PDB file of N, CA and C in Angstrom:
ATOM      1  N   UNK A   1    -197.465  52.810-194.518  1.00  0.00           N
ATOM      2  CA  UNK A   1    -196.699  54.050-194.653  1.00  0.00           C
ATOM      3  C   UNK A   1    -195.370  53.790-195.354  1.00  0.00           C
ATOM      4  N   UNK A   2    -194.765  52.661-195.026  1.00  0.00           N
ATOM      5  CA  UNK A   2    -193.477  52.344-195.641  1.00  0.00           C
ATOM      6  C   UNK A   2    -193.638  52.125-197.141  1.00  0.00           C
ATOM      7  N   UNK A   3    -194.782  51.538-197.547  1.00  0.00           N
ATOM      8  CA  UNK A   3    -195.003  51.279-198.970  1.00  0.00           C
ATOM      9  C   UNK A   3    -195.095  52.579-199.763  1.00  0.00           C
ATOM     10  N   UNK A   4    -195.781  53.583-199.196  1.00  0.00           N
ATOM     11  CA  UNK A   4    -195.927  54.842-199.930  1.00  0.00           C
ATOM     12  C   UNK A   4    -194.582  55.539-200.077  1.00  0.00           C
ATOM     13  N   UNK A   5    -193.768  55.534-199.022  1.00  0.00           N
ATOM     14  CA  UNK A   5    -192.455  56.183-199.128  1.00  0.00           C
ATOM     15  C   UNK A   5    -191.579  55.432-200.133  1.00  0.00           C
ATOM     16  N   UNK A   6    -191.735  54.115-200.177  1.00  0.00           N
ATOM     17  CA  UNK A   6    -190.982  53.325-201.160  1.00  0.00           C
ATOM     18  C   UNK A   6    -191.435  53.672-202.575  1.00  0.00           C
ATOM     19  N   UNK A   7    -192.757  53.818-202.743  1.00  0.00           N
ATOM     20  CA  UNK A   7    -193.287  54.188-204.055  1.00  0.00           C
ATOM     21  C   UNK A   7    -192.783  55.565-204.462  1.00  0.00           C
ATOM     22  N   UNK A   8    -192.758  56.493-203.510  1.00  0.00           N
ATOM     23  CA  UNK A   8    -192.249  57.842-203.801  1.00  0.00           C
ATOM     24  C   UNK A   8    -190.777  57.775-204.195  1.00  0.00           C
ATOM     25  N   UNK A   9    -190.018  56.951-203.479  1.00  0.00           N
ATOM     26  CA  UNK A   9    -188.597  56.800-203.803  1.00  0.00           C
ATOM     27  C   UNK A   9    -188.431  56.238-205.217  1.00  0.00           C
ATOM     28  N   UNK A  10    -189.247  55.233-205.567  1.00  0.00           N
ATOM     29  CA  UNK A  10    -189.180  54.665-206.917  1.00  0.00           C
ATOM     30  C   UNK A  10    -189.526  55.713-207.966  1.00  0.00           C
ATOM     31  N   UNK A  11    -190.596  56.497-207.680  1.00  0.00           N
ATOM     32  CA  UNK A  11    -190.993  57.538-208.631  1.00  0.00           C
ATOM     33  C   UNK A  11    -189.876  58.555-208.820  1.00  0.00           C
ATOM     34  N   UNK A  12    -189.235  58.937-207.722  1.00  0.00           N
ATOM     35  CA  UNK A  12    -188.123  59.885-207.818  1.00  0.00           C
ATOM     36  C   UNK A  12    -186.991  59.297-208.643  1.00  0.00           C
ATOM     37  N   UNK A  13    -186.690  58.025-208.391  1.00  0.00           N
ATOM     38  CA  UNK A  13    -185.615  57.361-209.131  1.00  0.00           C
ATOM     39  C   UNK A  13    -185.936  57.317-210.619  1.00  0.00           C
ATOM     40  N   UNK A  14    -187.184  56.924-210.933  1.00  0.00           N
ATOM     41  CA  UNK A  14    -187.593  56.839-212.340  1.00  0.00           C
ATOM     42  C   UNK A  14    -187.531  58.217-212.989  1.00  0.00           C
ATOM     43  N   UNK A  15    -188.009  59.243-212.260  1.00  0.00           N
ATOM     44  CA  UNK A  15    -188.000  60.591-212.813  1.00  0.00           C
ATOM     45  C   UNK A  15    -186.570  61.071-213.026  1.00  0.00           C
ATOM     46  N   UNK A  16    -185.680  60.772-212.074  1.00  0.00           N
ATOM     47  CA  UNK A  16    -184.281  61.165-212.197  1.00  0.00           C
ATOM     48  C   UNK A  16    -183.630  60.462-213.389  1.00  0.00           C
ATOM     49  N   UNK A  17    -183.882  59.150-213.522  1.00  0.00           N
ATOM     50  CA  UNK A  17    -183.333  58.398-214.656  1.00  0.00           C
ATOM     51  C   UNK A  17    -183.867  58.956-215.966  1.00  0.00           C
ATOM     52  N   UNK A  18    -185.156  59.275-215.995  1.00  0.00           N
ATOM     53  CA  UNK A  18    -185.739  59.855-217.199  1.00  0.00           C
ATOM     54  C   UNK A  18    -185.078  61.175-217.548  1.00  0.00           C
ATOM     55  N   UNK A  19    -184.822  62.000-216.530  1.00  0.00           N
ATOM     56  CA  UNK A  19    -184.146  63.274-216.765  1.00  0.00           C
ATOM     57  C   UNK A  19    -182.746  63.060-217.303  1.00  0.00           C
ATOM     58  N   UNK A  20    -182.034  62.087-216.738  1.00  0.00           N
ATOM     59  CA  UNK A  20    -180.677  61.791-217.201  1.00  0.00           C
ATOM     60  C   UNK A  20    -180.714  61.336-218.656  1.00  0.00           C
ATOM     61  N   UNK A  21    -181.686  60.472-218.987  1.00  0.00           N
ATOM     62  CA  UNK A  21    -181.795  59.967-220.359  1.00  0.00           C
ATOM     63  C   UNK A  21    -182.098  61.112-221.319  1.00  0.00           C
ATOM     64  N   UNK A  22    -183.013  62.008-220.922  1.00  0.00           N
ATOM     65  CA  UNK A  22    -183.344  63.150-221.781  1.00  0.00           C
ATOM     66  C   UNK A  22    -182.110  64.012-222.013  1.00  0.00           C
ATOM     67  N   UNK A  23    -181.353  64.269-220.945  1.00  0.00           N
ATOM     68  CA  UNK A  23    -180.134  65.076-221.068  1.00  0.00           C
ATOM     69  C   UNK A  23    -179.129  64.374-221.974  1.00  0.00           C
ATOM     70  N   UNK A  24    -178.981  63.053-221.801  1.00  0.00           N
ATOM     71  CA  UNK A  24    -178.039  62.311-222.639  1.00  0.00           C
ATOM     72  C   UNK A  24    -178.441  62.379-224.103  1.00  0.00           C
ATOM     73  N   UNK A  25    -179.740  62.241-224.388  1.00  0.00           N
ATOM     74  CA  UNK A  25    -180.211  62.320-225.774  1.00  0.00           C
ATOM     75  C   UNK A  25    -179.921  63.704-226.344  1.00  0.00           C
ATOM     76  N   UNK A  26    -180.168  64.748-225.545  1.00  0.00           N
ATOM     77  CA  UNK A  26    -179.905  66.110-226.013  1.00  0.00           C
ATOM     78  C   UNK A  26    -178.418  66.291-226.308  1.00  0.00           C
ATOM     79  N   UNK A  27    -177.570  65.778-225.418  1.00  0.00           N
ATOM     80  CA  UNK A  27    -176.124  65.903-225.617  1.00  0.00           C
ATOM     81  C   UNK A  27    -175.696  65.138-226.865  1.00  0.00           C
ATOM     82  N   UNK A  28    -176.246  63.926-227.052  1.00  0.00           N
ATOM     83  CA  UNK A  28    -175.885  63.135-228.223  1.00  0.00           C
ATOM     84  C   UNK A  28    -176.300  63.838-229.508  1.00  0.00           C
ATOM     85  N   UNK A  29    -177.522  64.412-229.516  1.00  0.00           N
ATOM     86  CA  UNK A  29    -177.976  65.139-230.700  1.00  0.00           C
ATOM     87  C   UNK A  29    -177.052  66.310-230.984  1.00  0.00           C
ATOM     88  N   UNK A  30    -176.667  67.056-229.938  1.00  0.00           N
ATOM     89  CA  UNK A  30    -175.776  68.205-230.100  1.00  0.00           C
ATOM     90  C   UNK A  30    -174.428  67.745-230.642  1.00  0.00           C
ATOM     91  N   UNK A  31    -173.881  66.673-230.057  1.00  0.00           N
ATOM     92  CA  UNK A  31    -172.590  66.162-230.511  1.00  0.00           C
ATOM     93  C   UNK A  31    -172.671  65.681-231.953  1.00  0.00           C
ATOM     94  N   UNK A  32    -173.751  64.979-232.290  1.00  0.00           N
ATOM     95  CA  UNK A  32    -173.902  64.466-233.651  1.00  0.00           C
ATOM     96  C   UNK A  32    -173.968  65.613-234.649  1.00  0.00           C
ATOM     97  N   UNK A  33    -174.749  66.648-234.341  1.00  0.00           N
ATOM     98  CA  UNK A  33    -174.853  67.774-235.270  1.00  0.00           C
ATOM     99  C   UNK A  33    -173.518  68.501-235.362  1.00  0.00           C
ATOM    100  N   UNK A  34    -172.793  68.616-234.248  1.00  0.00           N
ATOM    101  CA  UNK A  34    -171.488  69.278-234.256  1.00  0.00           C
ATOM    102  C   UNK A  34    -170.492  68.490-235.106  1.00  0.00           C
ATOM    103  N   UNK A  35    -170.495  67.155-234.957  1.00  0.00           N
ATOM    104  CA  UNK A  35    -169.584  66.309-235.741  1.00  0.00           C
ATOM    105  C   UNK A  35    -169.926  66.406-237.223  1.00  0.00           C
ATOM    106  N   UNK A  36    -171.235  66.369-237.548  1.00  0.00           N
ATOM    107  CA  UNK A  36    -171.643  66.509-238.944  1.00  0.00           C
ATOM    108  C   UNK A  36    -171.217  67.860-239.496  1.00  0.00           C
ATOM    109  N   UNK A  37    -171.350  68.921-238.686  1.00  0.00           N
ATOM    110  CA  UNK A  37    -170.930  70.255-239.108  1.00  0.00           C
ATOM    111  C   UNK A  37    -169.432  70.273-239.399  1.00  0.00           C
ATOM    112  N   UNK A  38    -168.632  69.690-238.497  1.00  0.00           N
ATOM    113  CA  UNK A  38    -167.185  69.644-238.705  1.00  0.00           C
ATOM    114  C   UNK A  38    -166.843  68.857-239.965  1.00  0.00           C
ATOM    115  N   UNK A  39    -167.518  67.720-240.173  1.00  0.00           N
ATOM    116  CA  UNK A  39    -167.271  66.918-241.371  1.00  0.00           C
ATOM    117  C   UNK A  39    -167.616  67.720-242.618  1.00  0.00           C
ATOM    118  N   UNK A  40    -168.723  68.448-242.572  1.00  0.00           N
ATOM    119  CA  UNK A  40    -169.116  69.266-243.716  1.00  0.00           C
ATOM    120  C   UNK A  40    -168.086  70.337-244.013  1.00  0.00           C
ATOM    121  N   UNK A  41    -167.598  71.013-242.976  1.00  0.00           N
ATOM    122  CA  UNK A  41    -166.583  72.053-243.164  1.00  0.00           C
ATOM    123  C   UNK A  41    -165.310  71.436-243.730  1.00  0.00           C
ATOM    124  N   UNK A  42    -164.883  70.312-243.161  1.00  0.00           N
ATOM    125  CA  UNK A  42    -163.666  69.648-243.627  1.00  0.00           C
ATOM    126  C   UNK A  42    -163.820  69.204-245.078  1.00  0.00           C
ATOM    127  N   UNK A  43    -164.997  68.630-245.404  1.00  0.00           N
ATOM    128  CA  UNK A  43    -165.245  68.166-246.769  1.00  0.00           C
ATOM    129  C   UNK A  43    -165.203  69.331-247.743  1.00  0.00           C
ATOM    130  N   UNK A  44    -165.862  70.447-247.376  1.00  0.00           N
ATOM    131  CA  UNK A  44    -165.911  71.607-248.260  1.00  0.00           C
ATOM    132  C   UNK A  44    -164.506  72.168-248.472  1.00  0.00           C
ATOM    133  N   UNK A  45    -163.734  72.316-247.396  1.00  0.00           N
ATOM    134  CA  UNK A  45    -162.398  72.892-247.530  1.00  0.00           C
ATOM    135  C   UNK A  45    -161.494  71.958-248.336  1.00  0.00           C
ATOM    136  N   UNK A  46    -161.586  70.649-248.102  1.00  0.00           N
ATOM    137  CA  UNK A  46    -160.745  69.717-248.853  1.00  0.00           C
ATOM    138  C   UNK A  46    -161.156  69.701-250.321  1.00  0.00           C
ATOM    139  N   UNK A  47    -162.462  69.823-250.597  1.00  0.00           N
ATOM    140  CA  UNK A  47    -162.930  69.858-251.975  1.00  0.00           C
ATOM    141  C   UNK A  47    -162.420  71.120-252.672  1.00  0.00           C
ATOM    142  N   UNK A  48    -162.462  72.253-251.960  1.00  0.00           N
ATOM    143  CA  UNK A  48    -161.973  73.500-252.541  1.00  0.00           C
ATOM    144  C   UNK A  48    -160.481  73.413-252.833  1.00  0.00           C
ATOM    145  N   UNK A  49    -159.698  72.843-251.921  1.00  0.00           N
ATOM    146  CA  UNK A  49    -158.264  72.734-252.161  1.00  0.00           C
ATOM    147  C   UNK A  49    -157.997  71.786-253.328  1.00  0.00           C
ATOM    148  N   UNK A  50    -158.779  70.711-253.440  1.00  0.00           N
ATOM    149  CA  UNK A  50    -158.612  69.809-254.579  1.00  0.00           C
ATOM    150  C   UNK A  50    -158.912  70.534-255.883  1.00  0.00           C
ATOM    151  N   UNK A  51    -159.999  71.333-255.884  1.00  0.00           N
ATOM    152  CA  UNK A  51    -160.337  72.104-257.077  1.00  0.00           C
ATOM    153  C   UNK A  51    -159.203  73.044-257.443  1.00  0.00           C
ATOM    154  N   UNK A  52    -158.662  73.751-256.450  1.00  0.00           N
ATOM    155  CA  UNK A  52    -157.573  74.689-256.704  1.00  0.00           C
ATOM    156  C   UNK A  52    -156.353  73.964-257.261  1.00  0.00           C
ATOM    157  N   UNK A  53    -156.032  72.799-256.704  1.00  0.00           N
ATOM    158  CA  UNK A  53    -154.894  72.027-257.199  1.00  0.00           C
ATOM    159  C   UNK A  53    -155.127  71.600-258.646  1.00  0.00           C
ATOM    160  N   UNK A  54    -156.348  71.146-258.951  1.00  0.00           N
ATOM    161  CA  UNK A  54    -156.647  70.722-260.316  1.00  0.00           C
ATOM    162  C   UNK A  54    -156.579  71.899-261.281  1.00  0.00           C
ATOM    163  N   UNK A  55    -157.083  73.053-260.855  1.00  0.00           N
ATOM    164  CA  UNK A  55    -157.041  74.237-261.722  1.00  0.00           C
ATOM    165  C   UNK A  55    -155.594  74.653-261.958  1.00  0.00           C
ATOM    166  N   UNK A  56    -154.773  74.660-260.901  1.00  0.00           N
ATOM    167  CA  UNK A  56    -153.364  75.037-261.049  1.00  0.00           C
ATOM    168  C   UNK A  56    -152.642  74.049-261.955  1.00  0.00           C
ATOM    169  N   UNK A  57    -152.964  72.771-261.800  1.00  0.00           N
ATOM    170  CA  UNK A  57    -152.316  71.752-262.621  1.00  0.00           C
ATOM    171  C   UNK A  57    -152.740  71.909-264.082  1.00  0.00           C
ATOM    172  N   UNK A  58    -154.023  72.257-264.295  1.00  0.00           N
ATOM    173  CA  UNK A  58    -154.525  72.429-265.657  1.00  0.00           C
ATOM    174  C   UNK A  58    -153.875  73.641-266.317  1.00  0.00           C
ATOM    175  N   UNK A  59    -153.638  74.690-265.534  1.00  0.00           N
ATOM    176  CA  UNK A  59    -152.998  75.882-266.089  1.00  0.00           C
ATOM    177  C   UNK A  59    -151.509  75.630-266.251  1.00  0.00           C
TER     178      UNK A  59
END
């Protein structure tokens, strides 16, 4: 009887760890996409300001 309860405890632990890992992966993917989005916005805005500066300088 003790062995089965131990096995159940191990299964619960493994399932809990698996759930934590899945959540961590989801959070990492979300953070990575958010960081890439911010970098893209920053790159686009900095590129636009550079273009505007070059156009003003050319004029």
